[in-house]
Amino acid sequence: MEKRCIIVSGGRPGPAPQPQPDDFVIACDRGYRYCAGLGLQPDLFIGDFDSYDGTVDPAVPVERLQPEKDDTDTGHAIHRALDQGYRTLVLVCALGGRLDHTLANIQDAAAAAAAGANVTILDEREEITFLTGGTLRLPRREGWGLSVFSLTDRCTGVCLRGVKYRLEDAVLTNRVPLGVSNEFAAPEAEISLTQGILMIALTKK
């Protein structure tokens, strides 16, 4: 199994994946406070200390950022993970809270996906993944809906199968939410596209 990086952001508290022995955990500012409750031991703290003013375990390296910067703490953590060779990233506590930070986290996650990473954002009621080409198969989840959104100007060759509202070779844009609020209609949903960045959101009803 490919080693993964878990990035704990400072948004709405939420669940974390089951820890694996080789996980590398980055706590982003307030996310450091969340780690204990999630059963995660941070391997690195990244932040400008604007949302966390406590102490950090001396055994945890700290990358202190300037408050005046061009990206969020979570964005810096994503870049650090990619620089260290991680291609499986899981973001937790990255939704909710401030809308601007939620959107920034989605943009940074999409950019990482476009760079070849497998990125998932986990929340209590949402699970977000990204597709930049090819096919993704998702097993049916009872009580969960499925939506897709174009994060680029256009996503071409979009196909949705195994769902209530099918699409075949469709074009989605980032101006019309044609892919919102779909439903599973088979044991597995199949999503594919030819070009673009597609955000796939599983949402608990």
C-alpha atoms as a PDB file:
ATOM      1  CA  MET A   1       0.000   0.000   0.000  1.00  0.00           C
ATOM      2  CA  GLU A   2       1.330   3.421  -0.945  1.00  0.00           C
ATOM      3  CA  LYS A   3       2.353   5.549   2.020  1.00  0.00           C
ATOM      4  CA  ARG A   4      -0.013   8.391   2.719  1.00  0.00           C
ATOM      5  CA  CYS A   5       0.037  11.777   4.353  1.00  0.00           C
ATOM      6  CA  ILE A   6      -2.824  12.823   6.634  1.00  0.00           C
ATOM      7  CA  ILE A   7      -3.229  16.587   6.855  1.00  0.00           C
ATOM      8  CA  VAL A   8      -5.254  17.859   9.815  1.00  0.00           C
ATOM      9  CA  SER A   9      -6.597  21.306   9.024  1.00  0.00           C
ATOM     10  CA  GLY A  10      -8.340  23.828  11.278  1.00  0.00           C
ATOM     11  CA  GLY A  11     -11.908  23.741   9.998  1.00  0.00           C
ATOM     12  CA  ARG A  12     -14.895  21.853  11.357  1.00  0.00           C
ATOM     13  CA  PRO A  13     -13.812  18.866  13.485  1.00  0.00           C
ATOM     14  CA  GLY A  14     -14.496  15.575  11.756  1.00  0.00           C
ATOM     15  CA  PRO A  15     -13.401  11.953  11.526  1.00  0.00           C
ATOM     16  CA  ALA A  16     -10.000  10.673  10.478  1.00  0.00           C
ATOM     17  CA  PRO A  17      -9.128   7.495   8.579  1.00  0.00           C
ATOM     18  CA  GLN A  18      -7.977   4.446  10.485  1.00  0.00           C
ATOM     19  CA  PRO A  19      -4.280   5.074  11.232  1.00  0.00           C
ATOM     20  CA  GLN A  20      -1.699   3.024   9.359  1.00  0.00           C
ATOM     21  CA  PRO A  21       1.867   2.405  10.602  1.00  0.00           C
ATOM     22  CA  ASP A  22       3.546   4.438   7.856  1.00  0.00           C
ATOM     23  CA  ASP A  23       1.218   7.452   7.948  1.00  0.00           C
ATOM     24  CA  PHE A  24       2.876  10.860   8.004  1.00  0.00           C
ATOM     25  CA  VAL A  25       0.690  13.343   9.876  1.00  0.00           C
ATOM     26  CA  ILE A  26       0.887  17.104   9.387  1.00  0.00           C
ATOM     27  CA  ALA A  27      -1.007  19.296  11.838  1.00  0.00           C
ATOM     28  CA  CYS A  28      -1.968  22.723  10.508  1.00  0.00           C
ATOM     29  CA  ASP A  29      -2.251  25.321  13.290  1.00  0.00           C
ATOM     30  CA  ARG A  30      -5.574  24.602  15.088  1.00  0.00           C
ATOM     31  CA  GLY A  31      -5.402  21.115  13.613  1.00  0.00           C
ATOM     32  CA  TYR A  32      -2.726  20.326  16.202  1.00  0.00           C
ATOM     33  CA  ARG A  33      -5.400  20.570  18.902  1.00  0.00           C
ATOM     34  CA  TYR A  34      -7.648  18.199  16.934  1.00  0.00           C
ATOM     35  CA  CYS A  35      -5.020  15.462  16.581  1.00  0.00           C
ATOM     36  CA  ALA A  36      -5.312  14.062  20.100  1.00  0.00           C
ATOM     37  CA  GLY A  37      -9.070  13.592  19.753  1.00  0.00           C
ATOM     38  CA  LEU A  38      -8.555  11.868  16.403  1.00  0.00           C
ATOM     39  CA  GLY A  39      -5.957   9.468  17.767  1.00  0.00           C
ATOM     40  CA  LEU A  40      -3.253  10.913  15.536  1.00  0.00           C
ATOM     41  CA  GLN A  41       0.328  11.717  16.482  1.00  0.00           C
ATOM     42  CA  PRO A  42       1.638  14.682  14.459  1.00  0.00           C
ATOM     43  CA  ASP A  43       4.960  14.244  12.681  1.00  0.00           C
ATOM     44  CA  LEU A  44       5.110  17.916  11.669  1.00  0.00           C
ATOM     45  CA  PHE A  45       3.422  21.170  12.704  1.00  0.00           C
ATOM     46  CA  ILE A  46       2.897  23.766   9.979  1.00  0.00           C
ATOM     47  CA  GLY A  47       1.263  27.088  10.741  1.00  0.00           C
ATOM     48  CA  ASP A  48       1.483  30.759  11.609  1.00  0.00           C
ATOM     49  CA  PHE A  49      -0.041  30.295  15.090  1.00  0.00           C
ATOM     50  CA  ASP A  50      -2.999  32.539  14.337  1.00  0.00           C
ATOM     51  CA  SER A  51      -5.541  29.878  15.363  1.00  0.00           C
ATOM     52  CA  TYR A  52      -3.438  27.945  17.872  1.00  0.00           C
ATOM     53  CA  ASP A  53      -1.578  29.629  20.705  1.00  0.00           C
ATOM     54  CA  GLY A  54      -0.649  26.615  22.815  1.00  0.00           C
ATOM     55  CA  THR A  55       2.583  24.696  23.104  1.00  0.00           C
ATOM     56  CA  VAL A  56       3.851  22.078  20.666  1.00  0.00           C
ATOM     57  CA  ASP A  57       5.510  18.882  21.820  1.00  0.00           C
ATOM     58  CA  PRO A  58       9.286  19.447  21.515  1.00  0.00           C
ATOM     59  CA  ALA A  59       9.514  16.130  19.648  1.00  0.00           C
ATOM     60  CA  VAL A  60       7.326  17.532  16.832  1.00  0.00           C
ATOM     61  CA  PRO A  61       9.211  19.646  14.268  1.00  0.00           C
ATOM     62  CA  VAL A  62       7.642  23.060  13.660  1.00  0.00           C
ATOM     63  CA  GLU A  63       7.564  24.917  10.362  1.00  0.00           C
ATOM     64  CA  ARG A  64       6.482  28.378  11.407  1.00  0.00           C
ATOM     65  CA  LEU A  65       4.903  30.441   8.643  1.00  0.00           C
ATOM     66  CA  GLN A  66       4.536  34.178   8.337  1.00  0.00           C
ATOM     67  CA  PRO A  67       0.939  35.403   8.642  1.00  0.00           C
ATOM     68  CA  GLU A  68       1.430  37.381   5.404  1.00  0.00           C
ATOM     69  CA  LYS A  69       1.602  34.629   2.774  1.00  0.00           C
ATOM     70  CA  ASP A  70       0.073  33.622  -0.538  1.00  0.00           C
ATOM     71  CA  ASP A  71      -1.498  30.355   0.612  1.00  0.00           C
ATOM     72  CA  THR A  72      -3.137  28.855   3.673  1.00  0.00           C
ATOM     73  CA  ASP A  73      -1.416  26.683   6.261  1.00  0.00           C
ATOM     74  CA  THR A  74      -3.179  23.687   4.711  1.00  0.00           C
ATOM     75  CA  GLY A  75      -1.942  24.679   1.258  1.00  0.00           C
ATOM     76  CA  HIS A  76       1.630  24.766   2.547  1.00  0.00           C
ATOM     77  CA  ALA A  77       1.103  21.342   4.125  1.00  0.00           C
ATOM     78  CA  ILE A  78      -0.119  19.924   0.806  1.00  0.00           C
ATOM     79  CA  HIS A  79       2.936  21.290  -1.004  1.00  0.00           C
ATOM     80  CA  ARG A  80       5.237  19.888   1.680  1.00  0.00           C
ATOM     81  CA  ALA A  81       3.619  16.455   1.385  1.00  0.00           C
ATOM     82  CA  LEU A  82       4.048  16.463  -2.398  1.00  0.00           C
ATOM     83  CA  ASP A  83       7.666  17.634  -2.071  1.00  0.00           C
ATOM     84  CA  GLN A  84       8.331  14.706   0.262  1.00  0.00           C
ATOM     85  CA  GLY A  85       7.012  12.282  -2.319  1.00  0.00           C
ATOM     86  CA  TYR A  86       3.580  11.496  -0.912  1.00  0.00           C
ATOM     87  CA  ARG A  87       0.985  10.803  -3.580  1.00  0.00           C
ATOM     88  CA  THR A  88      -1.869   9.710  -1.335  1.00  0.00           C
ATOM     89  CA  LEU A  89      -3.216  12.615   0.711  1.00  0.00           C
ATOM     90  CA  VAL A  90      -6.131  12.629   3.145  1.00  0.00           C
ATOM     91  CA  LEU A  91      -7.373  15.985   4.444  1.00  0.00           C
ATOM     92  CA  VAL A  92      -9.451  16.041   7.615  1.00  0.00           C
ATOM     93  CA  CYS A  93     -11.078  18.975   9.442  1.00  0.00           C
ATOM     94  CA  ALA A  94     -10.721  20.833   6.145  1.00  0.00           C
ATOM     95  CA  LEU A  95     -14.373  21.777   5.529  1.00  0.00           C
ATOM     96  CA  GLY A  96     -16.801  23.990   7.419  1.00  0.00           C
ATOM     97  CA  GLY A  97     -15.736  26.980   9.430  1.00  0.00           C
ATOM     98  CA  ARG A  98     -14.625  29.829   7.192  1.00  0.00           C
ATOM     99  CA  LEU A  99     -15.934  29.600   3.636  1.00  0.00           C
ATOM    100  CA  ASP A 100     -12.792  31.192   2.200  1.00  0.00           C
ATOM    101  CA  HIS A 101     -10.605  28.513   3.785  1.00  0.00           C
ATOM    102  CA  THR A 102     -12.945  25.731   2.693  1.00  0.00           C
ATOM    103  CA  LEU A 103     -12.732  26.932  -0.919  1.00  0.00           C
ATOM    104  CA  ALA A 104      -8.962  27.350  -0.638  1.00  0.00           C
ATOM    105  CA  ASN A 105      -8.632  23.787   0.661  1.00  0.00           C
ATOM    106  CA  ILE A 106     -10.675  22.455  -2.256  1.00  0.00           C
ATOM    107  CA  GLN A 107      -8.576  24.419  -4.751  1.00  0.00           C
ATOM    108  CA  ASP A 108      -5.303  23.236  -3.220  1.00  0.00           C
ATOM    109  CA  ALA A 109      -6.556  19.642  -3.139  1.00  0.00           C
ATOM    110  CA  ALA A 110      -7.609  19.874  -6.790  1.00  0.00           C
ATOM    111  CA  ALA A 111      -4.192  21.250  -7.750  1.00  0.00           C
ATOM    112  CA  ALA A 112      -2.544  18.304  -5.981  1.00  0.00           C
ATOM    113  CA  ALA A 113      -4.818  15.917  -7.865  1.00  0.00           C
ATOM    114  CA  ALA A 114      -3.860  17.602 -11.135  1.00  0.00           C
ATOM    115  CA  ALA A 115      -0.211  17.006 -10.170  1.00  0.00           C
ATOM    116  CA  GLY A 116      -0.904  13.279  -9.930  1.00  0.00           C
ATOM    117  CA  ALA A 117      -1.864  12.804  -6.281  1.00  0.00           C
ATOM    118  CA  ASN A 118      -4.785  10.768  -4.992  1.00  0.00           C
ATOM    119  CA  VAL A 119      -6.542  13.265  -2.704  1.00  0.00           C
ATOM    120  CA  THR A 120      -9.496  12.730  -0.394  1.00  0.00           C
ATOM    121  CA  ILE A 121     -11.199  15.228   1.908  1.00  0.00           C
ATOM    122  CA  LEU A 122     -13.054  13.538   4.782  1.00  0.00           C
ATOM    123  CA  ASP A 123     -15.815  15.080   6.860  1.00  0.00           C
ATOM    124  CA  GLU A 124     -18.654  13.835   9.043  1.00  0.00           C
ATOM    125  CA  ARG A 125     -21.167  14.121   6.198  1.00  0.00           C
ATOM    126  CA  GLU A 126     -19.008  14.497   3.086  1.00  0.00           C
ATOM    127  CA  GLU A 127     -16.259  12.641   1.288  1.00  0.00           C
ATOM    128  CA  ILE A 128     -14.658  14.504  -1.587  1.00  0.00           C
ATOM    129  CA  THR A 129     -12.361  13.078  -4.235  1.00  0.00           C
ATOM    130  CA  PHE A 130     -11.023  14.375  -7.540  1.00  0.00           C
ATOM    131  CA  LEU A 131     -10.732  12.914 -11.015  1.00  0.00           C
ATOM    132  CA  THR A 132      -8.438  14.323 -13.705  1.00  0.00           C
ATOM    133  CA  GLY A 133      -8.971  11.657 -16.335  1.00  0.00           C
ATOM    134  CA  GLY A 134      -9.859   8.006 -16.673  1.00  0.00           C
ATOM    135  CA  THR A 135     -12.469   6.182 -14.623  1.00  0.00           C
ATOM    136  CA  LEU A 136     -13.373   6.051 -10.940  1.00  0.00           C
ATOM    137  CA  ARG A 137     -15.676   3.395  -9.480  1.00  0.00           C
ATOM    138  CA  LEU A 138     -17.476   4.024  -6.207  1.00  0.00           C
ATOM    139  CA  PRO A 139     -19.402   1.341  -4.300  1.00  0.00           C
ATOM    140  CA  ARG A 140     -22.961   2.233  -3.429  1.00  0.00           C
ATOM    141  CA  ARG A 141     -23.545   3.806  -0.026  1.00  0.00           C
ATOM    142  CA  GLU A 142     -27.022   3.593   1.376  1.00  0.00           C
ATOM    143  CA  GLY A 143     -28.253   6.989   2.517  1.00  0.00           C
ATOM    144  CA  TRP A 144     -25.599   8.884   0.576  1.00  0.00           C
ATOM    145  CA  GLY A 145     -25.991  11.081  -2.486  1.00  0.00           C
ATOM    146  CA  LEU A 146     -23.477  11.767  -5.219  1.00  0.00           C
ATOM    147  CA  SER A 147     -22.608  15.030  -6.959  1.00  0.00           C
ATOM    148  CA  VAL A 148     -19.948  16.011  -9.484  1.00  0.00           C
ATOM    149  CA  PHE A 149     -18.657  19.505 -10.240  1.00  0.00           C
ATOM    150  CA  SER A 150     -16.283  20.859 -12.838  1.00  0.00           C
ATOM    151  CA  LEU A 151     -13.426  22.758 -11.202  1.00  0.00           C
ATOM    152  CA  THR A 152     -12.024  23.809 -14.557  1.00  0.00           C
ATOM    153  CA  ASP A 153     -13.774  25.913 -17.184  1.00  0.00           C
ATOM    154  CA  ARG A 154     -14.839  22.668 -18.852  1.00  0.00           C
ATOM    155  CA  CYS A 155     -14.791  18.965 -18.105  1.00  0.00           C
ATOM    156  CA  THR A 156     -15.247  17.003 -21.316  1.00  0.00           C
ATOM    157  CA  GLY A 157     -16.238  13.428 -21.977  1.00  0.00           C
ATOM    158  CA  VAL A 158     -18.026  13.108 -18.631  1.00  0.00           C
ATOM    159  CA  CYS A 159     -19.877   9.827 -18.162  1.00  0.00           C
ATOM    160  CA  LEU A 160     -21.940   8.882 -15.114  1.00  0.00           C
ATOM    161  CA  ARG A 161     -23.217   5.314 -14.971  1.00  0.00           C
ATOM    162  CA  GLY A 162     -24.866   3.314 -12.234  1.00  0.00           C
ATOM    163  CA  VAL A 163     -26.670   6.454 -11.052  1.00  0.00           C
ATOM    164  CA  LYS A 164     -30.222   7.760 -11.334  1.00  0.00           C
ATOM    165  CA  TYR A 165     -29.297  10.617 -13.673  1.00  0.00           C
ATOM    166  CA  ARG A 166     -26.882   9.254 -16.261  1.00  0.00           C
ATOM    167  CA  LEU A 167     -24.556  11.263 -18.440  1.00  0.00           C
ATOM    168  CA  GLU A 168     -22.774  10.101 -21.580  1.00  0.00           C
ATOM    169  CA  ASP A 169     -19.922  12.065 -23.119  1.00  0.00           C
ATOM    170  CA  ALA A 170     -21.229  15.261 -21.517  1.00  0.00           C
ATOM    171  CA  VAL A 171     -19.535  18.612 -21.063  1.00  0.00           C
ATOM    172  CA  LEU A 172     -19.713  20.162 -17.598  1.00  0.00           C
ATOM    173  CA  THR A 173     -18.671  23.724 -16.867  1.00  0.00           C
ATOM    174  CA  ASN A 174     -17.854  25.584 -13.665  1.00  0.00           C
ATOM    175  CA  ARG A 175     -20.843  27.870 -14.205  1.00  0.00           C
ATOM    176  CA  VAL A 176     -23.759  25.399 -14.251  1.00  0.00           C
ATOM    177  CA  PRO A 177     -24.112  22.726 -11.488  1.00  0.00           C
ATOM    178  CA  LEU A 178     -25.546  20.075 -13.803  1.00  0.00           C
ATOM    179  CA  GLY A 179     -24.006  17.252 -11.761  1.00  0.00           C
ATOM    180  CA  VAL A 180     -25.476  18.143  -8.362  1.00  0.00           C
ATOM    181  CA  SER A 181     -27.692  15.816  -6.246  1.00  0.00           C
ATOM    182  CA  ASN A 182     -27.482  12.494  -8.039  1.00  0.00           C
ATOM    183  CA  GLU A 183     -28.246   9.089  -6.522  1.00  0.00           C
ATOM    184  CA  PHE A 184     -26.853   5.578  -6.713  1.00  0.00           C
ATOM    185  CA  ALA A 185     -28.935   3.267  -8.887  1.00  0.00           C
ATOM    186  CA  ALA A 186     -26.630   0.231  -8.950  1.00  0.00           C
ATOM    187  CA  PRO A 187     -24.157  -1.498  -6.622  1.00  0.00           C
ATOM    188  CA  GLU A 188     -21.423   0.665  -8.134  1.00  0.00           C
ATOM    189  CA  ALA A 189     -21.252   4.094  -9.708  1.00  0.00           C
ATOM    190  CA  GLU A 190     -18.817   4.599 -12.581  1.00  0.00           C
ATOM    191  CA  ILE A 191     -17.518   8.100 -13.267  1.00  0.00           C
ATOM    192  CA  SER A 192     -15.185   8.964 -16.113  1.00  0.00           C
ATOM    193  CA  LEU A 193     -13.958  11.965 -18.027  1.00  0.00           C
ATOM    194  CA  THR A 194     -11.569  12.803 -20.819  1.00  0.00           C
ATOM    195  CA  GLN A 195     -10.228  16.187 -19.777  1.00  0.00           C
ATOM    196  CA  GLY A 196     -10.542  18.603 -16.860  1.00  0.00           C
ATOM    197  CA  ILE A 197     -10.672  18.394 -13.075  1.00  0.00           C
ATOM    198  CA  LEU A 198     -13.854  16.872 -11.708  1.00  0.00           C
ATOM    199  CA  MET A 199     -14.752  17.082  -8.017  1.00  0.00           C
ATOM    200  CA  ILE A 200     -16.800  14.139  -6.760  1.00  0.00           C
ATOM    201  CA  ALA A 201     -18.721  14.708  -3.547  1.00  0.00           C
ATOM    202  CA  LEU A 202     -20.422  11.928  -1.635  1.00  0.00           C
ATOM    203  CA  THR A 203     -22.883  13.498   0.810  1.00  0.00           C
ATOM    204  CA  LYS A 204     -24.776  11.870   3.633  1.00  0.00           C
ATOM    205  CA  LYS A 205     -28.482  12.688   3.350  1.00  0.00           C
END
